[in-house]
Amino acid sequence: MLVARNEERLHETAQILTDEYGIGCEVIRADLTTDEGCRLIEERLSRPSEPIEVLINNAGFAIRDSFLTSSREAEIQLFDVLCRTPMRLMHAVLPGMKERNSGVIINVSSVSGWMASGSYSAAKSYLTVLSESLHTQLRGTQVHVLALCPGFTRTEFHQRGKINMKFLPEFFWLNAEEVVDQAWADAQAGKAISIPGKQYQVI
């Protein structure tokens, strides 16, 4: 199941997954900044007849402006997507996972959660701590919750946020495929936190 606001790109991604891996993909268009969008996905996640074995909370964006100059609307949307939405989706999917004693949740957080750097960092700190807490509460079960905390990764994230990253040395960039591989390996190993890249582990 793939969820995003851009339905055309969802179908493109679904087709790629079908062509490369021979799997069927369910596509749901939803705006996770809204209650309506969250409720739509909550209903799907909690459907007993079609259980979800893996939930990856990856929706997110950043605000270029500081808290002192940003709009309240932008700050609320950031909080909704980075904190409220993953909390609600986990709350919807966990009862079924606990009943089946099977499931994996990967919350895409960030190393910025350990830094005092505005609302984005604060939101990622929330997500990391909540993931750690759930990991502890589920100890002894076959349900695993992992906080994935990468550093700068080559995706569309900074382009879409219109954030200029030309100043960043090549050393700090991570490869998205390697981040995914590390996250899945750490989740399967039952870890609470995954920090891809030796440079970020040292930091």
N, C-alpha and C. Protein backbone atom coordinates (compact mmCIF):
# COMPACT_ATOMS: atom_id res chain seq x y z
N MET A 1 0.84 -1.19 0.00
CA MET A 1 0.00 0.00 0.00
C MET A 1 0.88 1.24 0.00
N LEU A 2 0.63 2.14 -0.94
CA LEU A 2 1.37 3.39 -1.04
C LEU A 2 0.43 4.56 -0.80
N VAL A 3 0.89 5.53 0.00
CA VAL A 3 0.05 6.67 0.36
C VAL A 3 0.81 7.97 0.10
N ALA A 4 0.17 8.90 -0.58
CA ALA A 4 0.74 10.23 -0.80
C ALA A 4 -0.36 11.13 -1.36
N ARG A 5 -0.02 12.38 -1.57
CA ARG A 5 -1.00 13.32 -2.13
C ARG A 5 -1.05 13.28 -3.65
N ASN A 6 0.08 12.97 -4.29
CA ASN A 6 0.18 12.98 -5.74
C ASN A 6 -0.18 11.61 -6.30
N GLU A 7 -1.42 11.48 -6.77
CA GLU A 7 -1.90 10.17 -7.21
C GLU A 7 -1.17 9.68 -8.46
N GLU A 8 -0.82 10.59 -9.35
CA GLU A 8 -0.12 10.19 -10.57
C GLU A 8 1.22 9.55 -10.25
N ARG A 9 1.96 10.16 -9.33
CA ARG A 9 3.27 9.61 -8.96
C ARG A 9 3.11 8.31 -8.17
N LEU A 10 2.04 8.21 -7.40
CA LEU A 10 1.77 6.96 -6.69
C LEU A 10 1.62 5.81 -7.67
N HIS A 11 0.84 6.03 -8.72
CA HIS A 11 0.63 4.98 -9.71
C HIS A 11 1.92 4.66 -10.47
N GLU A 12 2.74 5.68 -10.72
CA GLU A 12 4.02 5.45 -11.39
C GLU A 12 4.92 4.56 -10.52
N THR A 13 4.97 4.87 -9.23
CA THR A 13 5.78 4.08 -8.31
C THR A 13 5.24 2.66 -8.19
N ALA A 14 3.92 2.54 -8.11
CA ALA A 14 3.29 1.22 -8.02
C ALA A 14 3.64 0.37 -9.25
N GLN A 15 3.64 0.98 -10.41
CA GLN A 15 3.96 0.26 -11.64
C GLN A 15 5.41 -0.21 -11.64
N ILE A 16 6.31 0.65 -11.15
CA ILE A 16 7.73 0.28 -11.07
C ILE A 16 7.90 -0.93 -10.15
N LEU A 17 7.23 -0.92 -8.99
CA LEU A 17 7.33 -2.03 -8.05
C LEU A 17 6.76 -3.31 -8.63
N THR A 18 5.67 -3.17 -9.38
CA THR A 18 5.06 -4.34 -10.02
C THR A 18 5.98 -4.90 -11.09
N ASP A 19 6.55 -4.03 -11.91
CA ASP A 19 7.42 -4.47 -12.99
C ASP A 19 8.70 -5.12 -12.47
N GLU A 20 9.29 -4.53 -11.42
CA GLU A 20 10.59 -5.01 -10.94
C GLU A 20 10.47 -6.20 -9.99
N TYR A 21 9.38 -6.23 -9.19
CA TYR A 21 9.30 -7.26 -8.16
C TYR A 21 8.07 -8.17 -8.30
N GLY A 22 7.22 -7.89 -9.26
CA GLY A 22 6.06 -8.73 -9.49
C GLY A 22 5.04 -8.71 -8.37
N ILE A 23 4.92 -7.58 -7.69
CA ILE A 23 3.97 -7.46 -6.59
C ILE A 23 2.85 -6.48 -6.94
N GLY A 24 1.69 -6.71 -6.36
CA GLY A 24 0.59 -5.79 -6.54
C GLY A 24 0.68 -4.68 -5.51
N CYS A 25 0.31 -3.47 -5.88
CA CYS A 25 0.39 -2.32 -4.98
C CYS A 25 -0.97 -1.63 -4.89
N GLU A 26 -1.44 -1.48 -3.67
CA GLU A 26 -2.64 -0.71 -3.41
C GLU A 26 -2.25 0.76 -3.28
N VAL A 27 -2.97 1.63 -3.96
CA VAL A 27 -2.67 3.06 -3.96
C VAL A 27 -3.80 3.83 -3.29
N ILE A 28 -3.45 4.68 -2.33
CA ILE A 28 -4.45 5.51 -1.68
C ILE A 28 -3.96 6.95 -1.68
N ARG A 29 -4.72 7.83 -2.31
CA ARG A 29 -4.37 9.25 -2.27
C ARG A 29 -4.93 9.85 -0.99
N ALA A 30 -4.06 10.48 -0.19
CA ALA A 30 -4.51 11.08 1.06
C ALA A 30 -3.57 12.22 1.45
N ASP A 31 -4.13 13.28 1.98
CA ASP A 31 -3.35 14.40 2.50
C ASP A 31 -3.24 14.21 4.00
N LEU A 32 -2.06 13.81 4.47
CA LEU A 32 -1.88 13.48 5.87
C LEU A 32 -1.74 14.71 6.77
N THR A 33 -1.86 15.91 6.20
CA THR A 33 -1.93 17.10 7.05
C THR A 33 -3.36 17.33 7.55
N THR A 34 -4.31 16.54 7.03
CA THR A 34 -5.72 16.75 7.37
C THR A 34 -6.27 15.59 8.20
N ASP A 35 -7.29 15.88 9.00
CA ASP A 35 -7.98 14.83 9.76
C ASP A 35 -8.60 13.81 8.82
N GLU A 36 -9.19 14.29 7.74
CA GLU A 36 -9.84 13.40 6.77
C GLU A 36 -8.84 12.41 6.19
N GLY A 37 -7.66 12.92 5.80
CA GLY A 37 -6.63 12.05 5.23
C GLY A 37 -6.16 11.02 6.24
N CYS A 38 -5.95 11.45 7.48
CA CYS A 38 -5.52 10.52 8.52
C CYS A 38 -6.57 9.45 8.79
N ARG A 39 -7.83 9.86 8.88
CA ARG A 39 -8.91 8.90 9.15
C ARG A 39 -9.01 7.85 8.05
N LEU A 40 -8.80 8.26 6.81
CA LEU A 40 -8.86 7.33 5.68
C LEU A 40 -7.81 6.24 5.83
N ILE A 41 -6.59 6.62 6.19
CA ILE A 41 -5.52 5.64 6.33
C ILE A 41 -5.67 4.85 7.62
N GLU A 42 -6.14 5.48 8.68
CA GLU A 42 -6.40 4.75 9.93
C GLU A 42 -7.39 3.61 9.70
N GLU A 43 -8.44 3.89 8.94
CA GLU A 43 -9.44 2.87 8.66
C GLU A 43 -8.83 1.70 7.91
N ARG A 44 -7.98 2.00 6.95
CA ARG A 44 -7.34 0.93 6.17
C ARG A 44 -6.38 0.12 7.04
N LEU A 45 -5.62 0.78 7.88
CA LEU A 45 -4.64 0.09 8.71
C LEU A 45 -5.28 -0.81 9.75
N SER A 46 -6.46 -0.47 10.19
CA SER A 46 -7.12 -1.23 11.25
C SER A 46 -8.10 -2.27 10.71
N ARG A 47 -8.11 -2.51 9.40
CA ARG A 47 -9.03 -3.45 8.78
C ARG A 47 -8.57 -4.90 9.01
N PRO A 48 -9.27 -5.67 9.82
CA PRO A 48 -8.81 -7.02 10.16
C PRO A 48 -8.70 -7.95 8.96
N SER A 49 -9.55 -7.75 7.96
CA SER A 49 -9.56 -8.66 6.81
C SER A 49 -8.35 -8.47 5.89
N GLU A 50 -7.67 -7.33 6.00
CA GLU A 50 -6.50 -7.05 5.17
C GLU A 50 -5.38 -6.50 6.06
N PRO A 51 -4.76 -7.35 6.86
CA PRO A 51 -3.78 -6.89 7.84
C PRO A 51 -2.53 -6.29 7.20
N ILE A 52 -1.97 -5.33 7.89
CA ILE A 52 -0.73 -4.68 7.48
C ILE A 52 0.41 -5.25 8.32
N GLU A 53 1.43 -5.80 7.66
CA GLU A 53 2.56 -6.39 8.37
C GLU A 53 3.71 -5.40 8.57
N VAL A 54 3.82 -4.42 7.67
CA VAL A 54 4.90 -3.44 7.76
C VAL A 54 4.32 -2.04 7.53
N LEU A 55 4.58 -1.14 8.48
CA LEU A 55 4.17 0.26 8.34
C LEU A 55 5.43 1.11 8.35
N ILE A 56 5.60 1.93 7.32
CA ILE A 56 6.74 2.85 7.27
C ILE A 56 6.19 4.27 7.23
N ASN A 57 6.42 5.01 8.31
CA ASN A 57 6.00 6.41 8.40
C ASN A 57 7.11 7.28 7.84
N ASN A 58 6.92 7.73 6.60
CA ASN A 58 7.98 8.45 5.89
C ASN A 58 7.55 9.83 5.41
N ALA A 59 6.31 10.21 5.64
CA ALA A 59 5.84 11.53 5.18
C ALA A 59 6.55 12.63 5.96
N GLY A 60 6.93 13.69 5.28
CA GLY A 60 7.59 14.77 6.00
C GLY A 60 8.02 15.91 5.10
N PHE A 61 8.28 17.03 5.72
CA PHE A 61 8.84 18.18 5.02
C PHE A 61 9.49 19.09 6.06
N ALA A 62 10.25 20.06 5.60
CA ALA A 62 10.91 20.99 6.51
C ALA A 62 10.51 22.42 6.15
N ILE A 63 10.66 23.32 7.11
CA ILE A 63 10.38 24.74 6.91
C ILE A 63 11.71 25.49 6.85
N ARG A 64 11.90 26.27 5.81
CA ARG A 64 13.16 27.01 5.68
C ARG A 64 13.30 28.10 6.73
N ASP A 65 12.19 28.75 7.07
CA ASP A 65 12.24 29.89 7.99
C ASP A 65 12.40 29.42 9.43
N SER A 66 12.95 30.28 10.26
CA SER A 66 13.05 29.99 11.68
C SER A 66 11.67 30.11 12.32
N PHE A 67 11.55 29.59 13.52
CA PHE A 67 10.27 29.65 14.23
C PHE A 67 9.82 31.10 14.43
N LEU A 68 10.76 32.00 14.57
CA LEU A 68 10.44 33.41 14.83
C LEU A 68 9.87 34.13 13.61
N THR A 69 10.10 33.57 12.43
CA THR A 69 9.61 34.23 11.21
C THR A 69 8.64 33.38 10.39
N SER A 70 8.50 32.11 10.74
CA SER A 70 7.60 31.24 9.97
C SER A 70 6.14 31.52 10.30
N SER A 71 5.26 31.05 9.44
CA SER A 71 3.83 31.23 9.68
C SER A 71 3.32 30.15 10.64
N ARG A 72 2.31 30.49 11.39
CA ARG A 72 1.73 29.52 12.31
C ARG A 72 1.13 28.34 11.54
N GLU A 73 0.54 28.61 10.38
CA GLU A 73 -0.05 27.55 9.57
C GLU A 73 1.00 26.52 9.16
N ALA A 74 2.18 27.02 8.75
CA ALA A 74 3.25 26.10 8.34
C ALA A 74 3.74 25.28 9.53
N GLU A 75 3.83 25.90 10.70
CA GLU A 75 4.28 25.18 11.88
C GLU A 75 3.28 24.09 12.28
N ILE A 76 2.01 24.39 12.17
CA ILE A 76 0.97 23.42 12.52
C ILE A 76 1.00 22.25 11.54
N GLN A 77 1.17 22.54 10.24
CA GLN A 77 1.24 21.48 9.25
C GLN A 77 2.44 20.58 9.48
N LEU A 78 3.58 21.18 9.84
CA LEU A 78 4.77 20.40 10.12
C LEU A 78 4.53 19.47 11.31
N PHE A 79 3.94 20.01 12.38
CA PHE A 79 3.65 19.20 13.56
C PHE A 79 2.68 18.07 13.21
N ASP A 80 1.67 18.39 12.41
CA ASP A 80 0.67 17.38 12.04
C ASP A 80 1.30 16.22 11.28
N VAL A 81 2.15 16.53 10.31
CA VAL A 81 2.73 15.48 9.46
C VAL A 81 3.82 14.70 10.19
N LEU A 82 4.67 15.40 10.95
CA LEU A 82 5.82 14.74 11.57
C LEU A 82 5.51 14.09 12.92
N CYS A 83 4.49 14.57 13.61
CA CYS A 83 4.17 14.03 14.95
C CYS A 83 2.79 13.39 15.01
N ARG A 84 1.76 14.16 14.69
CA ARG A 84 0.41 13.66 14.84
C ARG A 84 0.12 12.46 13.95
N THR A 85 0.50 12.55 12.68
CA THR A 85 0.17 11.49 11.74
C THR A 85 0.82 10.15 12.09
N PRO A 86 2.14 10.08 12.30
CA PRO A 86 2.71 8.77 12.67
C PRO A 86 2.15 8.22 13.97
N MET A 87 1.85 9.11 14.95
CA MET A 87 1.24 8.65 16.19
C MET A 87 -0.11 8.01 15.92
N ARG A 88 -0.94 8.65 15.11
CA ARG A 88 -2.27 8.12 14.82
C ARG A 88 -2.21 6.83 14.02
N LEU A 89 -1.31 6.76 13.06
CA LEU A 89 -1.23 5.56 12.23
C LEU A 89 -0.69 4.37 13.03
N MET A 90 0.26 4.63 13.92
CA MET A 90 0.73 3.55 14.79
C MET A 90 -0.37 3.08 15.72
N HIS A 91 -1.12 4.03 16.24
CA HIS A 91 -2.21 3.69 17.15
C HIS A 91 -3.26 2.84 16.45
N ALA A 92 -3.41 3.03 15.14
CA ALA A 92 -4.40 2.27 14.37
C ALA A 92 -3.90 0.87 14.04
N VAL A 93 -2.62 0.72 13.74
CA VAL A 93 -2.11 -0.56 13.24
C VAL A 93 -1.63 -1.49 14.35
N LEU A 94 -1.22 -0.94 15.50
CA LEU A 94 -0.61 -1.77 16.54
C LEU A 94 -1.54 -2.82 17.16
N PRO A 95 -2.83 -2.52 17.39
CA PRO A 95 -3.68 -3.57 17.97
C PRO A 95 -3.69 -4.85 17.15
N GLY A 96 -3.78 -4.73 15.84
CA GLY A 96 -3.77 -5.92 14.98
C GLY A 96 -2.43 -6.62 15.01
N MET A 97 -1.35 -5.86 15.00
CA MET A 97 -0.02 -6.46 15.07
C MET A 97 0.18 -7.20 16.39
N LYS A 98 -0.28 -6.59 17.48
CA LYS A 98 -0.14 -7.24 18.79
C LYS A 98 -0.95 -8.53 18.84
N GLU A 99 -2.15 -8.50 18.28
CA GLU A 99 -3.00 -9.69 18.28
C GLU A 99 -2.37 -10.83 17.48
N ARG A 100 -1.75 -10.48 16.35
CA ARG A 100 -1.11 -11.50 15.51
C ARG A 100 0.31 -11.83 16.00
N ASN A 101 0.83 -10.98 16.91
CA ASN A 101 2.20 -11.10 17.39
C ASN A 101 3.19 -11.09 16.22
N SER A 102 2.96 -10.13 15.33
CA SER A 102 3.79 -10.03 14.13
C SER A 102 3.65 -8.64 13.53
N GLY A 103 4.77 -8.04 13.16
CA GLY A 103 4.70 -6.76 12.48
C GLY A 103 5.95 -5.92 12.69
N VAL A 104 6.16 -4.99 11.77
CA VAL A 104 7.30 -4.08 11.83
C VAL A 104 6.81 -2.66 11.55
N ILE A 105 7.24 -1.72 12.38
CA ILE A 105 6.98 -0.30 12.14
C ILE A 105 8.32 0.41 12.07
N ILE A 106 8.56 1.13 10.98
CA ILE A 106 9.76 1.95 10.85
C ILE A 106 9.33 3.40 10.74
N ASN A 107 9.74 4.19 11.72
CA ASN A 107 9.45 5.61 11.72
C ASN A 107 10.68 6.37 11.24
N VAL A 108 10.54 7.08 10.12
CA VAL A 108 11.68 7.80 9.57
C VAL A 108 11.85 9.10 10.35
N SER A 109 12.81 9.07 11.26
CA SER A 109 13.13 10.24 12.08
C SER A 109 14.39 10.90 11.49
N SER A 110 15.31 11.35 12.32
CA SER A 110 16.49 12.05 11.80
C SER A 110 17.50 12.25 12.92
N VAL A 111 18.77 12.33 12.54
CA VAL A 111 19.79 12.67 13.54
C VAL A 111 19.56 14.07 14.09
N SER A 112 18.82 14.88 13.36
CA SER A 112 18.53 16.24 13.84
C SER A 112 17.69 16.22 15.12
N GLY A 113 17.09 15.07 15.43
CA GLY A 113 16.32 14.95 16.66
C GLY A 113 17.16 15.10 17.91
N TRP A 114 18.49 14.99 17.77
CA TRP A 114 19.39 15.19 18.91
C TRP A 114 19.99 16.59 18.91
N MET A 115 19.49 17.46 18.03
CA MET A 115 20.03 18.82 17.92
C MET A 115 18.93 19.84 18.24
N ALA A 116 19.32 20.95 18.83
CA ALA A 116 18.36 22.03 19.09
C ALA A 116 18.34 22.93 17.87
N SER A 117 17.50 22.57 16.91
CA SER A 117 17.50 23.28 15.63
C SER A 117 16.09 23.47 15.09
N GLY A 118 15.23 24.09 15.91
CA GLY A 118 13.91 24.46 15.45
C GLY A 118 12.86 23.36 15.53
N SER A 119 11.72 23.63 14.92
CA SER A 119 10.56 22.75 15.01
C SER A 119 10.80 21.38 14.39
N TYR A 120 11.56 21.34 13.28
CA TYR A 120 11.81 20.06 12.62
C TYR A 120 12.56 19.12 13.56
N SER A 121 13.59 19.63 14.20
CA SER A 121 14.36 18.81 15.13
C SER A 121 13.51 18.38 16.32
N ALA A 122 12.68 19.30 16.82
CA ALA A 122 11.81 18.96 17.95
C ALA A 122 10.83 17.86 17.58
N ALA A 123 10.28 17.94 16.37
CA ALA A 123 9.33 16.93 15.92
C ALA A 123 10.01 15.57 15.76
N LYS A 124 11.23 15.57 15.23
CA LYS A 124 11.95 14.31 15.05
C LYS A 124 12.36 13.72 16.40
N SER A 125 12.65 14.57 17.36
CA SER A 125 12.95 14.08 18.71
C SER A 125 11.74 13.36 19.29
N TYR A 126 10.56 13.94 19.11
CA TYR A 126 9.32 13.30 19.56
C TYR A 126 9.16 11.92 18.94
N LEU A 127 9.40 11.84 17.63
CA LEU A 127 9.19 10.58 16.93
C LEU A 127 10.20 9.51 17.38
N THR A 128 11.44 9.93 17.60
CA THR A 128 12.46 8.98 18.07
C THR A 128 12.12 8.46 19.46
N VAL A 129 11.76 9.37 20.36
CA VAL A 129 11.47 8.97 21.74
C VAL A 129 10.22 8.09 21.80
N LEU A 130 9.19 8.42 21.04
CA LEU A 130 7.99 7.59 21.01
C LEU A 130 8.31 6.20 20.47
N SER A 131 9.13 6.14 19.44
CA SER A 131 9.52 4.85 18.87
C SER A 131 10.28 4.01 19.90
N GLU A 132 11.20 4.64 20.60
CA GLU A 132 11.96 3.93 21.65
C GLU A 132 11.03 3.39 22.73
N SER A 133 10.07 4.22 23.12
CA SER A 133 9.13 3.82 24.16
C SER A 133 8.31 2.61 23.72
N LEU A 134 7.80 2.65 22.50
CA LEU A 134 7.00 1.53 21.99
C LEU A 134 7.86 0.28 21.83
N HIS A 135 9.09 0.45 21.41
CA HIS A 135 10.02 -0.68 21.30
C HIS A 135 10.17 -1.38 22.65
N THR A 136 10.30 -0.59 23.70
CA THR A 136 10.43 -1.14 25.05
C THR A 136 9.16 -1.84 25.49
N GLN A 137 8.01 -1.20 25.22
CA GLN A 137 6.73 -1.78 25.63
C GLN A 137 6.43 -3.10 24.91
N LEU A 138 6.97 -3.26 23.71
CA LEU A 138 6.71 -4.46 22.91
C LEU A 138 7.81 -5.51 23.05
N ARG A 139 8.73 -5.28 23.96
CA ARG A 139 9.81 -6.24 24.17
C ARG A 139 9.22 -7.59 24.55
N GLY A 140 9.76 -8.65 23.98
CA GLY A 140 9.25 -9.98 24.24
C GLY A 140 8.19 -10.43 23.25
N THR A 141 7.81 -9.53 22.33
CA THR A 141 6.86 -9.88 21.28
C THR A 141 7.59 -9.92 19.95
N GLN A 142 6.87 -10.27 18.90
CA GLN A 142 7.42 -10.28 17.54
C GLN A 142 6.99 -9.03 16.76
N VAL A 143 6.60 -8.00 17.50
CA VAL A 143 6.28 -6.71 16.89
C VAL A 143 7.44 -5.76 17.17
N HIS A 144 8.02 -5.22 16.13
CA HIS A 144 9.22 -4.40 16.27
C HIS A 144 8.97 -2.97 15.79
N VAL A 145 9.37 -2.00 16.60
CA VAL A 145 9.26 -0.58 16.24
C VAL A 145 10.67 0.01 16.21
N LEU A 146 11.00 0.65 15.11
CA LEU A 146 12.34 1.20 14.90
C LEU A 146 12.27 2.66 14.51
N ALA A 147 13.13 3.48 15.11
CA ALA A 147 13.31 4.86 14.66
C ALA A 147 14.52 4.89 13.73
N LEU A 148 14.28 5.22 12.47
CA LEU A 148 15.37 5.37 11.51
C LEU A 148 15.84 6.82 11.55
N CYS A 149 17.11 7.03 11.88
CA CYS A 149 17.63 8.39 12.10
C CYS A 149 18.80 8.68 11.16
N PRO A 150 18.51 8.91 9.89
CA PRO A 150 19.60 9.20 8.95
C PRO A 150 20.03 10.66 9.03
N GLY A 151 21.18 10.93 8.41
CA GLY A 151 21.60 12.31 8.20
C GLY A 151 21.14 12.75 6.82
N PHE A 152 21.92 13.60 6.19
CA PHE A 152 21.57 14.10 4.86
C PHE A 152 21.59 12.96 3.85
N THR A 153 20.46 12.77 3.18
CA THR A 153 20.30 11.66 2.25
C THR A 153 19.84 12.18 0.89
N ARG A 154 20.39 11.62 -0.16
CA ARG A 154 20.04 12.09 -1.51
C ARG A 154 18.64 11.62 -1.91
N THR A 155 17.68 12.52 -1.71
CA THR A 155 16.29 12.31 -2.13
C THR A 155 15.80 13.65 -2.67
N GLU A 156 14.48 13.78 -2.85
CA GLU A 156 13.92 15.05 -3.30
C GLU A 156 13.60 15.99 -2.14
N PHE A 157 13.91 15.57 -0.92
CA PHE A 157 13.49 16.31 0.27
C PHE A 157 13.93 17.77 0.23
N HIS A 158 15.21 18.02 -0.01
CA HIS A 158 15.71 19.39 0.04
C HIS A 158 15.27 20.21 -1.18
N GLN A 159 15.17 19.55 -2.33
CA GLN A 159 14.69 20.26 -3.51
C GLN A 159 13.26 20.75 -3.32
N ARG A 160 12.40 19.86 -2.80
CA ARG A 160 11.00 20.22 -2.63
C ARG A 160 10.84 21.31 -1.57
N GLY A 161 11.74 21.33 -0.60
CA GLY A 161 11.70 22.36 0.43
C GLY A 161 12.43 23.63 0.02
N LYS A 162 13.00 23.62 -1.21
CA LYS A 162 13.75 24.76 -1.74
C LYS A 162 14.88 25.16 -0.78
N ILE A 163 15.58 24.12 -0.30
CA ILE A 163 16.68 24.33 0.63
C ILE A 163 17.99 24.13 -0.13
N ASN A 164 18.83 25.14 -0.15
CA ASN A 164 20.09 25.09 -0.87
C ASN A 164 21.12 24.28 -0.06
N MET A 165 21.57 23.16 -0.63
CA MET A 165 22.50 22.29 0.08
C MET A 165 23.86 22.22 -0.62
N LYS A 166 24.16 23.18 -1.48
CA LYS A 166 25.41 23.16 -2.24
C LYS A 166 26.63 23.28 -1.33
N PHE A 167 26.43 23.83 -0.16
CA PHE A 167 27.55 24.04 0.77
C PHE A 167 28.00 22.75 1.45
N LEU A 168 27.16 21.71 1.43
CA LEU A 168 27.43 20.50 2.21
C LEU A 168 28.48 19.62 1.53
N PRO A 169 29.56 19.27 2.22
CA PRO A 169 30.58 18.40 1.62
C PRO A 169 30.01 17.02 1.27
N GLU A 170 30.58 16.41 0.24
CA GLU A 170 30.12 15.11 -0.23
C GLU A 170 30.16 14.06 0.88
N PHE A 171 31.09 14.20 1.80
CA PHE A 171 31.27 13.24 2.88
C PHE A 171 30.00 13.01 3.69
N PHE A 172 29.16 14.05 3.78
CA PHE A 172 27.98 13.95 4.64
C PHE A 172 26.76 13.34 3.96
N TRP A 173 26.83 13.14 2.64
CA TRP A 173 25.66 12.62 1.94
C TRP A 173 25.57 11.10 2.04
N LEU A 174 24.34 10.61 2.28
CA LEU A 174 24.07 9.18 2.31
C LEU A 174 23.29 8.78 1.06
N ASN A 175 23.45 7.51 0.69
CA ASN A 175 22.72 6.94 -0.44
C ASN A 175 21.40 6.36 0.06
N ALA A 176 20.30 6.70 -0.59
CA ALA A 176 18.98 6.29 -0.11
C ALA A 176 18.82 4.79 -0.05
N GLU A 177 19.33 4.08 -1.05
CA GLU A 177 19.19 2.62 -1.08
C GLU A 177 19.93 1.97 0.10
N GLU A 178 21.10 2.51 0.43
CA GLU A 178 21.87 1.97 1.55
C GLU A 178 21.18 2.27 2.88
N VAL A 179 20.55 3.43 2.97
CA VAL A 179 19.80 3.78 4.18
C VAL A 179 18.64 2.80 4.38
N VAL A 180 17.94 2.49 3.30
CA VAL A 180 16.82 1.54 3.36
C VAL A 180 17.31 0.16 3.80
N ASP A 181 18.40 -0.29 3.19
CA ASP A 181 18.94 -1.61 3.54
C ASP A 181 19.33 -1.69 5.01
N GLN A 182 19.98 -0.64 5.51
CA GLN A 182 20.40 -0.61 6.91
C GLN A 182 19.20 -0.60 7.84
N ALA A 183 18.18 0.20 7.49
CA ALA A 183 16.98 0.27 8.32
C ALA A 183 16.29 -1.07 8.43
N TRP A 184 16.15 -1.77 7.31
CA TRP A 184 15.46 -3.05 7.32
C TRP A 184 16.25 -4.09 8.11
N ALA A 185 17.58 -4.09 7.93
CA ALA A 185 18.41 -5.03 8.67
C ALA A 185 18.31 -4.78 10.17
N ASP A 186 18.32 -3.51 10.58
CA ASP A 186 18.23 -3.17 12.00
C ASP A 186 16.86 -3.51 12.57
N ALA A 187 15.80 -3.30 11.76
CA ALA A 187 14.46 -3.65 12.21
C ALA A 187 14.34 -5.15 12.42
N GLN A 188 14.88 -5.93 11.48
CA GLN A 188 14.84 -7.39 11.60
C GLN A 188 15.66 -7.89 12.78
N ALA A 189 16.69 -7.11 13.14
CA ALA A 189 17.53 -7.48 14.28
C ALA A 189 16.92 -7.06 15.61
N GLY A 190 15.78 -6.38 15.56
CA GLY A 190 15.09 -5.98 16.78
C GLY A 190 15.66 -4.76 17.46
N LYS A 191 16.35 -3.91 16.71
CA LYS A 191 16.93 -2.70 17.29
C LYS A 191 15.87 -1.61 17.45
N ALA A 192 16.13 -0.69 18.36
CA ALA A 192 15.21 0.42 18.59
C ALA A 192 15.52 1.61 17.70
N ILE A 193 16.80 1.81 17.40
CA ILE A 193 17.24 2.96 16.61
C ILE A 193 18.22 2.50 15.55
N SER A 194 18.10 3.08 14.36
CA SER A 194 19.03 2.82 13.27
C SER A 194 19.64 4.14 12.83
N ILE A 195 20.98 4.21 12.86
CA ILE A 195 21.67 5.41 12.41
C ILE A 195 22.62 5.01 11.27
N PRO A 196 22.19 5.15 10.03
CA PRO A 196 23.03 4.75 8.90
C PRO A 196 24.22 5.69 8.74
N GLY A 197 25.35 5.13 8.34
CA GLY A 197 26.53 5.93 8.05
C GLY A 197 27.44 6.09 9.24
N LYS A 198 28.71 5.69 9.09
CA LYS A 198 29.69 5.80 10.17
C LYS A 198 29.86 7.24 10.63
N GLN A 199 29.79 8.19 9.66
CA GLN A 199 29.99 9.58 10.02
C GLN A 199 28.92 10.07 10.99
N TYR A 200 27.69 9.62 10.80
CA TYR A 200 26.62 10.06 11.68
C TYR A 200 26.60 9.28 12.98
N GLN A 201 27.06 8.05 12.96
CA GLN A 201 27.17 7.30 14.21
C GLN A 201 28.18 7.96 15.14
N VAL A 202 29.29 8.46 14.56
CA VAL A 202 30.30 9.15 15.36
C VAL A 202 29.74 10.47 15.89
N ILE A 203 29.06 11.20 15.05
CA ILE A 203 28.49 12.48 15.46
C ILE A 203 27.50 12.30 16.59
